Protein backbone atom coordinates (compact mmCIF):
# COMPACT_ATOMS: atom_id res chain seq x y z
CA MET A 1 73.28 3.34 21.17
CA ARG A 2 71.48 4.53 18.09
CA PHE A 3 70.81 0.92 17.12
CA ILE A 4 69.23 0.19 20.52
CA SER A 5 66.97 3.32 20.16
CA ILE A 6 65.68 2.09 16.73
CA ILE A 7 64.91 -1.37 18.24
CA PHE A 8 63.05 0.27 21.10
CA ILE A 9 60.93 2.51 18.78
CA ALA A 10 60.13 -0.47 16.55
CA LEU A 11 59.06 -2.48 19.58
CA ILE A 12 56.76 0.23 20.82
CA ALA A 13 55.23 0.54 17.26
CA SER A 14 54.58 -3.20 17.01
CA LEU A 15 52.94 -3.22 20.45
CA SER A 16 50.76 -0.27 19.40
CA GLN A 17 49.68 -2.07 16.25
CA ALA A 18 48.89 -5.20 18.20
CA GLN A 19 46.68 -3.18 20.49
CA ASP A 20 44.87 -1.82 17.47
CA VAL A 21 44.17 -5.36 16.16
CA GLU A 22 43.31 -7.18 19.34
CA PRO A 23 39.95 -6.49 21.09
CA SER A 24 40.25 -4.18 24.06
CA SER A 25 38.61 -6.78 26.32
CA ASN A 26 38.21 -10.56 26.08
CA THR A 27 35.17 -10.69 28.39
CA LEU A 28 31.95 -10.23 26.50
CA LYS A 29 28.50 -9.65 27.92
CA VAL A 30 25.99 -11.81 26.01
CA SER A 31 22.25 -11.08 26.23
CA VAL A 32 20.15 -14.28 26.00
CA TYR A 33 16.44 -15.13 26.25
CA ASP A 34 15.29 -18.32 27.91
CA SER A 35 13.53 -20.41 25.21
CA GLU A 36 14.23 -24.02 24.67
CA PRO A 37 15.95 -25.57 22.84
CA PHE A 38 18.04 -22.48 21.98
CA VAL A 39 18.61 -21.20 25.52
CA SER A 40 17.64 -22.81 28.83
CA SER A 41 18.82 -22.72 32.44
CA ASP A 42 18.32 -24.84 35.55
CA ASP A 43 17.84 -24.01 39.20
CA ALA A 44 21.61 -24.39 39.74
CA GLY A 45 22.28 -21.62 37.22
CA ASN A 46 23.70 -23.86 34.55
CA ILE A 47 22.94 -22.60 31.07
CA SER A 48 22.73 -24.69 27.90
CA GLY A 49 21.11 -24.88 24.50
CA PHE A 50 21.62 -24.68 20.79
CA ASP A 51 22.61 -20.98 20.78
CA ILE A 52 24.73 -21.38 23.91
CA ASP A 53 26.82 -24.13 22.24
CA ILE A 54 27.19 -21.91 19.14
CA ILE A 55 28.50 -18.90 21.04
CA GLU A 56 30.67 -20.94 23.35
CA GLU A 57 32.31 -22.64 20.42
CA ILE A 58 32.94 -19.28 18.77
CA ALA A 59 34.34 -18.00 22.09
CA SER A 60 36.64 -21.01 22.38
CA ARG A 61 38.00 -20.46 18.92
CA SER A 62 38.33 -16.75 19.39
CA ASN A 63 39.82 -16.79 22.96
CA TRP A 64 36.88 -14.93 24.53
CA GLU A 65 35.45 -15.14 27.99
CA LEU A 66 31.65 -14.91 28.16
CA GLU A 67 29.25 -13.43 30.70
CA PHE A 68 25.56 -14.30 30.06
CA VAL A 69 22.79 -11.86 30.88
CA PHE A 70 19.18 -12.97 30.71
CA VAL A 71 16.51 -10.56 29.45
CA GLU A 72 12.89 -10.74 30.53
CA GLN A 73 11.35 -10.72 26.98
CA PHE A 74 12.58 -11.55 23.54
CA SER A 75 11.87 -7.98 22.43
CA ASP A 76 14.57 -6.80 24.94
CA LEU A 77 17.44 -8.56 23.08
CA ILE A 78 18.15 -6.01 20.34
CA PRO A 79 17.71 -2.96 22.62
CA SER A 80 20.20 -4.46 25.09
CA VAL A 81 22.90 -4.35 22.33
CA GLU A 82 21.74 -1.03 20.85
CA ASN A 83 22.07 0.57 24.31
CA GLU A 84 25.46 -1.16 24.72
CA GLU A 85 24.27 -2.91 27.88
CA SER A 86 25.71 -6.05 26.28
CA ASP A 87 28.33 -6.71 23.59
CA ILE A 88 26.39 -9.52 21.91
CA ALA A 89 22.81 -10.88 21.80
CA ILE A 90 21.99 -14.40 20.67
CA SER A 91 18.73 -16.29 21.00
CA SER A 92 17.37 -17.36 17.56
CA ILE A 93 17.27 -13.72 16.36
CA THR A 94 16.15 -13.31 12.84
CA ILE A 95 18.20 -11.01 10.70
CA THR A 96 15.95 -8.19 9.36
CA PRO A 97 16.60 -4.80 7.72
CA GLU A 98 14.88 -3.07 10.60
CA ARG A 99 17.10 -4.70 13.16
CA GLU A 100 20.25 -4.03 11.05
CA MET A 101 19.54 -0.34 11.56
CA GLY A 102 20.49 -0.62 15.20
CA VAL A 103 23.00 -3.48 15.41
CA ASP A 104 25.45 -5.34 13.21
CA PHE A 105 24.80 -9.07 12.57
CA SER A 106 27.23 -11.82 12.06
CA GLN A 107 26.81 -14.03 9.02
CA PRO A 108 23.82 -16.45 9.40
CA TYR A 109 24.45 -19.50 11.44
CA MET A 110 21.05 -21.18 10.73
CA HIS A 111 18.63 -20.95 7.79
CA THR A 112 14.98 -21.63 8.73
CA GLY A 113 11.52 -20.09 8.55
CA LEU A 114 8.22 -19.79 10.34
CA GLY A 115 6.05 -22.74 11.21
CA ILE A 116 2.49 -23.45 12.38
CA ILE A 117 1.19 -25.80 15.03
CA VAL A 118 -2.47 -26.72 15.48
CA PRO A 119 -4.30 -28.93 18.03
CA ASN A 120 -3.90 -32.59 17.23
CA ASP A 121 -7.13 -34.63 16.94
CA GLN A 122 -5.75 -37.49 14.94
CA ASP A 123 -4.59 -39.77 17.78
CA LEU A 124 -7.74 -39.61 19.91
CA SER A 125 -9.61 -42.74 20.81
CA MET A 126 -13.11 -43.41 19.34
CA SER A 127 -14.85 -42.34 22.60
CA GLU A 128 -12.70 -39.17 22.71
CA ASN A 129 -13.52 -38.37 19.13
CA ILE A 130 -17.24 -38.80 19.75
CA SER A 131 -16.99 -36.65 22.91
CA SER A 132 -15.11 -33.99 21.01
CA TRP A 133 -17.62 -34.12 18.09
CA ILE A 134 -20.54 -33.56 20.53
CA GLN A 135 -18.81 -30.88 22.56
CA MET A 136 -18.01 -28.87 19.42
CA ARG A 137 -21.65 -29.10 18.25
CA ILE A 138 -23.45 -28.33 21.54
CA PRO A 139 -23.22 -24.55 20.89
CA LEU A 140 -24.82 -25.07 17.49
CA PHE A 141 -27.55 -27.26 18.94
CA VAL A 142 -28.30 -24.68 21.62
CA SER A 143 -28.42 -21.96 18.99
CA LEU A 144 -30.73 -23.90 16.80
CA LEU A 145 -33.14 -24.71 19.66
CA LYS A 146 -33.28 -21.03 20.62
CA ILE A 147 -34.05 -20.01 17.05
CA CYS A 148 -36.71 -22.75 16.72
CA PHE A 149 -38.32 -21.57 19.98
CA PHE A 150 -38.45 -18.01 18.81
CA PHE A 151 -39.72 -19.20 15.44
CA ILE A 152 -42.70 -21.05 16.97
CA VAL A 153 -43.45 -18.15 19.33
CA VAL A 154 -43.40 -15.58 16.50
CA LEU A 155 -45.58 -17.82 14.34
CA PHE A 156 -48.14 -18.25 17.17
CA ILE A 157 -48.17 -14.47 17.83
CA PHE A 158 -48.74 -13.74 14.16
CA GLY A 159 -51.40 -16.48 14.06
CA ILE A 160 -53.39 -14.75 16.83
CA LEU A 161 -52.91 -11.35 15.14
CA LEU A 162 -54.03 -12.78 11.77
CA TYR A 163 -57.14 -14.31 13.37
CA SER A 164 -57.89 -11.10 15.28
CA THR A 165 -57.62 -8.95 12.20
CA ASP A 166 -59.30 -11.30 9.70
CA GLU A 167 -63.00 -10.45 10.38
CA GLN A 168 -64.21 -12.63 7.57
CA ARG A 169 -62.60 -15.72 9.08
CA LYS A 170 -64.12 -14.96 12.48
CA THR A 171 -67.59 -14.46 10.83
CA ASP A 172 -67.29 -17.82 9.08
CA SER A 173 -66.61 -19.48 12.50
CA ASN A 174 -69.50 -17.60 14.28
CA ASP A 175 -72.43 -20.11 13.96
CA GLU A 176 -75.64 -20.52 15.95
CA ASP A 177 -73.87 -21.17 19.21
CA GLY A 178 -71.68 -18.08 18.86
CA LEU A 179 -67.89 -17.94 18.91
CA THR A 180 -66.86 -20.72 21.31
CA VAL A 181 -63.41 -21.14 22.97
CA SER A 182 -62.72 -24.19 20.94
CA GLU A 183 -63.49 -22.35 17.72
CA ILE A 184 -61.17 -19.51 18.73
CA ILE A 185 -58.38 -21.97 19.53
CA LYS A 186 -59.01 -23.77 16.25
CA GLY A 187 -59.08 -20.48 14.33
CA SER A 188 -55.86 -19.31 16.02
CA LEU A 189 -54.07 -22.56 15.22
CA ASN A 190 -55.28 -22.37 11.61
CA SER A 191 -54.02 -18.81 11.44
CA THR A 192 -50.71 -19.99 12.87
CA TRP A 193 -50.45 -22.32 9.98
CA LEU A 194 -51.39 -19.42 7.73
CA ALA A 195 -48.53 -17.38 9.30
CA PHE A 196 -46.14 -20.24 8.47
CA THR A 197 -47.28 -20.60 4.90
CA THR A 198 -47.19 -16.80 4.54
CA GLY A 199 -43.67 -16.60 5.94
CA SER A 200 -42.52 -19.31 3.66
CA THR A 201 -44.53 -19.15 0.49
CA ILE A 202 -46.76 -16.01 0.65
CA GLY A 203 -49.90 -18.02 1.03
CA TYR A 204 -50.88 -21.57 0.07
CA GLY A 205 -53.95 -22.60 -1.81
CA ASP A 206 -57.13 -21.21 -0.25
CA VAL A 207 -55.28 -20.37 2.93
CA TYR A 208 -54.66 -16.56 2.61
CA PRO A 209 -55.53 -13.30 4.41
CA LYS A 210 -59.00 -12.13 3.43
CA ASN A 211 -58.86 -8.36 4.33
CA ALA A 212 -56.42 -5.46 4.40
CA PRO A 213 -55.43 -5.52 8.10
CA ALA A 214 -54.70 -9.26 7.96
CA ARG A 215 -52.68 -8.79 4.85
CA VAL A 216 -50.56 -6.10 6.57
CA VAL A 217 -49.93 -8.62 9.41
CA ALA A 218 -49.04 -11.21 6.76
CA VAL A 219 -46.44 -9.04 5.23
CA LEU A 220 -44.86 -8.33 8.62
CA CYS A 221 -45.00 -12.09 9.32
CA PHE A 222 -43.13 -12.73 6.04
CA PHE A 223 -40.29 -10.41 6.92
CA SER A 224 -40.05 -11.67 10.51
CA VAL A 225 -39.90 -15.30 9.43
CA ALA A 226 -37.32 -14.40 6.73
CA ILE A 227 -35.11 -12.75 9.45
CA LEU A 228 -35.40 -15.89 11.64
CA VAL A 229 -34.64 -18.20 8.77
CA GLY A 230 -31.64 -15.96 7.89
CA SER A 231 -30.41 -16.24 11.47
CA LEU A 232 -30.71 -20.03 11.26
CA THR A 233 -28.74 -20.14 8.04
CA ALA A 234 -26.11 -17.79 9.46
CA SER A 235 -25.65 -19.98 12.54
CA ILE A 236 -25.14 -23.12 10.49
CA THR A 237 -22.77 -21.30 8.09
CA SER A 238 -20.73 -19.79 10.88
CA PHE A 239 -20.39 -23.18 12.51
CA ASN A 240 -19.17 -24.77 9.29
CA VAL A 241 -16.66 -21.93 8.76
CA ILE A 242 -15.31 -22.34 12.28
CA GLN A 243 -15.01 -26.13 11.73
CA LYS A 244 -13.10 -25.52 8.55
CA ILE A 245 -10.74 -23.12 10.34
CA ASN A 246 -10.15 -25.53 13.22
CA THR A 247 -9.33 -28.53 10.95
CA GLY A 248 -8.28 -26.98 7.70
CA ILE A 249 -5.02 -25.15 8.39
CA GLN A 250 -2.52 -26.87 6.04
CA GLY A 251 -0.32 -23.88 5.40
CA ALA A 252 0.18 -20.14 5.55
CA ASP A 253 -2.51 -19.56 2.91
CA ASP A 254 -5.09 -21.03 5.28
CA LEU A 255 -4.40 -18.51 8.02
CA SER A 256 -6.76 -15.87 6.65
CA GLY A 257 -9.73 -15.36 9.10
CA THR A 258 -8.09 -17.37 11.89
CA LEU A 259 -7.05 -16.24 15.35
CA ILE A 260 -3.31 -16.81 15.76
CA ALA A 261 -1.15 -16.82 18.89
CA THR A 262 2.51 -15.76 18.75
CA VAL A 263 5.22 -13.89 20.70
CA SER A 264 5.25 -10.11 20.80
CA GLY A 265 8.26 -8.37 19.24
CA THR A 266 8.97 -11.20 16.78
CA THR A 267 8.78 -11.42 13.01
CA SER A 268 5.86 -13.86 13.42
CA VAL A 269 3.48 -11.00 14.32
CA ASP A 270 3.80 -9.13 10.98
CA ALA A 271 4.00 -12.37 9.00
CA ALA A 272 0.75 -13.81 10.39
CA MET A 273 -1.03 -10.46 9.81
CA SER A 274 0.20 -10.35 6.20
CA TYR A 275 -1.67 -13.61 5.57
CA GLY A 276 -4.92 -12.23 6.94
CA ALA A 277 -4.88 -13.65 10.43
CA SER A 278 -5.94 -11.89 13.61
CA VAL A 279 -2.99 -12.00 16.03
CA LYS A 280 -2.98 -12.40 19.76
CA GLN A 281 0.42 -11.58 21.26
CA TYR A 282 1.95 -13.19 24.30
CA ASP A 283 5.14 -12.59 26.28
CA ASN A 284 6.60 -16.02 25.46
CA ILE A 285 5.97 -19.05 23.30
CA ASP A 286 4.82 -21.23 26.25
CA GLN A 287 1.88 -18.82 26.89
CA ALA A 288 1.02 -18.87 23.19
CA ILE A 289 1.04 -22.62 22.99
CA ALA A 290 -1.08 -22.95 26.20
CA ALA A 291 -3.64 -20.54 24.74
CA MET A 292 -4.07 -22.79 21.71
CA ILE A 293 -4.34 -25.99 23.79
CA LEU A 294 -7.02 -24.35 25.87
CA GLY A 295 -8.89 -23.50 22.73
CA ASN A 296 -8.47 -19.69 22.97
CA VAL A 297 -6.86 -19.47 19.57
CA ASP A 298 -6.89 -21.59 16.38
CA ALA A 299 -3.09 -22.05 15.88
CA VAL A 300 0.42 -20.82 16.85
CA VAL A 301 2.76 -19.17 14.37
CA TYR A 302 6.42 -18.94 15.38
CA ASP A 303 9.91 -20.04 14.43
CA GLU A 304 9.66 -23.52 12.97
CA PRO A 305 12.57 -25.03 14.96
CA ARG A 306 11.10 -24.00 18.25
CA LEU A 307 7.59 -25.38 17.31
CA ARG A 308 9.16 -28.57 15.98
CA PHE A 309 11.01 -29.01 19.29
CA PHE A 310 7.79 -28.76 21.25
CA ALA A 311 5.79 -30.89 18.84
CA ASN A 312 8.35 -33.71 19.11
CA GLY A 313 8.70 -33.42 22.89
CA GLN A 314 6.18 -32.13 25.40
CA GLY A 315 3.49 -31.52 22.82
CA ARG A 316 3.63 -35.00 21.27
CA LYS A 317 -0.09 -36.17 20.52
CA LYS A 318 -1.31 -32.76 21.79
CA VAL A 319 -0.29 -30.69 18.87
CA ARG A 320 0.49 -31.20 15.19
CA LEU A 321 3.22 -29.36 13.28
CA VAL A 322 1.82 -28.28 9.89
CA ASP A 323 4.12 -29.56 7.16
CA SER A 324 4.79 -26.18 5.63
CA VAL A 325 7.58 -23.75 6.40
CA PHE A 326 7.07 -20.15 5.21
CA GLU A 327 8.69 -16.71 5.38
CA SER A 328 12.29 -17.89 5.04
CA GLN A 329 14.59 -16.38 7.58
CA ASP A 330 18.18 -16.58 8.88
CA TYR A 331 19.42 -16.50 12.51
CA GLY A 332 22.37 -14.27 13.28
CA ILE A 333 24.36 -12.98 16.27
CA ALA A 334 23.72 -9.25 17.07
CA PHE A 335 26.76 -7.10 17.88
CA VAL A 336 27.17 -3.47 18.87
CA PRO A 337 27.68 -1.45 15.67
CA ASN A 338 31.21 -1.54 14.31
CA SER A 339 32.12 -4.16 16.91
CA GLU A 340 35.75 -5.30 16.91
CA TYR A 341 34.52 -8.89 17.63
CA ILE A 342 32.29 -9.47 14.58
CA GLU A 343 35.13 -10.47 12.17
CA ALA A 344 36.47 -13.12 14.57
CA ALA A 345 32.86 -14.48 15.00
CA ASN A 346 32.40 -14.71 11.23
CA ILE A 347 35.73 -16.52 10.79
CA ALA A 348 34.75 -18.98 13.50
CA LEU A 349 31.33 -19.57 12.01
CA LEU A 350 32.78 -20.32 8.57
CA SER A 351 35.19 -22.69 10.13
CA MET A 352 32.36 -24.39 12.14
CA GLN A 353 30.32 -24.72 8.94
CA GLN A 354 33.18 -26.34 7.00
CA ASP A 355 34.22 -28.80 9.69
CA GLY A 356 30.63 -29.86 10.44
CA THR A 357 30.39 -28.43 13.98
CA LEU A 358 27.29 -26.38 13.17
CA ALA A 359 25.52 -29.44 11.74
CA LYS A 360 26.45 -31.52 14.86
CA ILE A 361 25.07 -28.83 17.21
CA GLU A 362 21.82 -28.60 15.25
CA ASN A 363 21.27 -32.31 15.25
CA ARG A 364 22.01 -32.49 18.99
CA TYR A 365 19.14 -30.22 19.80
CA LEU A 366 16.74 -30.26 16.93
CA GLY A 367 17.30 -33.60 15.21
CA VAL A 368 17.55 -34.21 11.53
CA GLN A 369 14.71 -32.60 9.67
């Protein structure tokens, strides 16, 4: 009888230990964000993607059941785990010290970085290139015409003022028949030329103001023409700078002074700002890319695999992926702090890395780099 009691106590102890080791539940809620090729769903409710294959393979090896929960925005992923609304979050989440303060991450399952896409103008036909060249320069031509118009008007106004204030010049024109209309017009035109030479060279030869009032007008003319010439120079310089920005982004160092689109709540925001870019944030990457194609921004900065997927697919011939990856980063799976599932996930990930499963999944969705 005593022997049976010992066996019974030992059995209860072993069951208790098993309960301590095994997770309390095998059904895990997984927060995901819809963004191809990592996560996507169809009208029938089927879910697929790079990250889905990763977590489903881990679940298969760890004997888990999964329940997927979609979040509206990428920035909702980490809070959903922090608030324990989900057990896990996976959707190309970069491991950062700030995020580690609220969740626990698995070991990395993908090493990558940020990328840049810009509008592609290399595959346009000759007529399309000519049309694009003209369209980009129309604003400059309009600006130059406006400045030239005001330049001529200002010169003519100063010409009349110079003629009106230069009494000696009017006296020289006042002959036997008096000051005729033709002589006034001729004098005003000559004074317009005087205004031009004054504005550009402070007088030329024997063409110069002959009394104090006219010389005051000449000084004002000089500064007015200088401002107009400065505006002309600024317009041309600004155009050249914009052209350089639009065609010269070859890497992260070229982002300074550009207007960049990216997704709010991602590491791309701070990264682009650190390189001197102005950042326009959107709710998702599709909106950011559309803004660039429409010409509202100069480029898009985001996770390189996602941009590569678009550039090789829907964006072929529309966008160009800059051949430069920067801000190295790792993707990990976010867990509730001190989660009982994280050890099993890490063991599965190591096994998947060793047997080539991770590489096969990456090639399936992203292709060989």
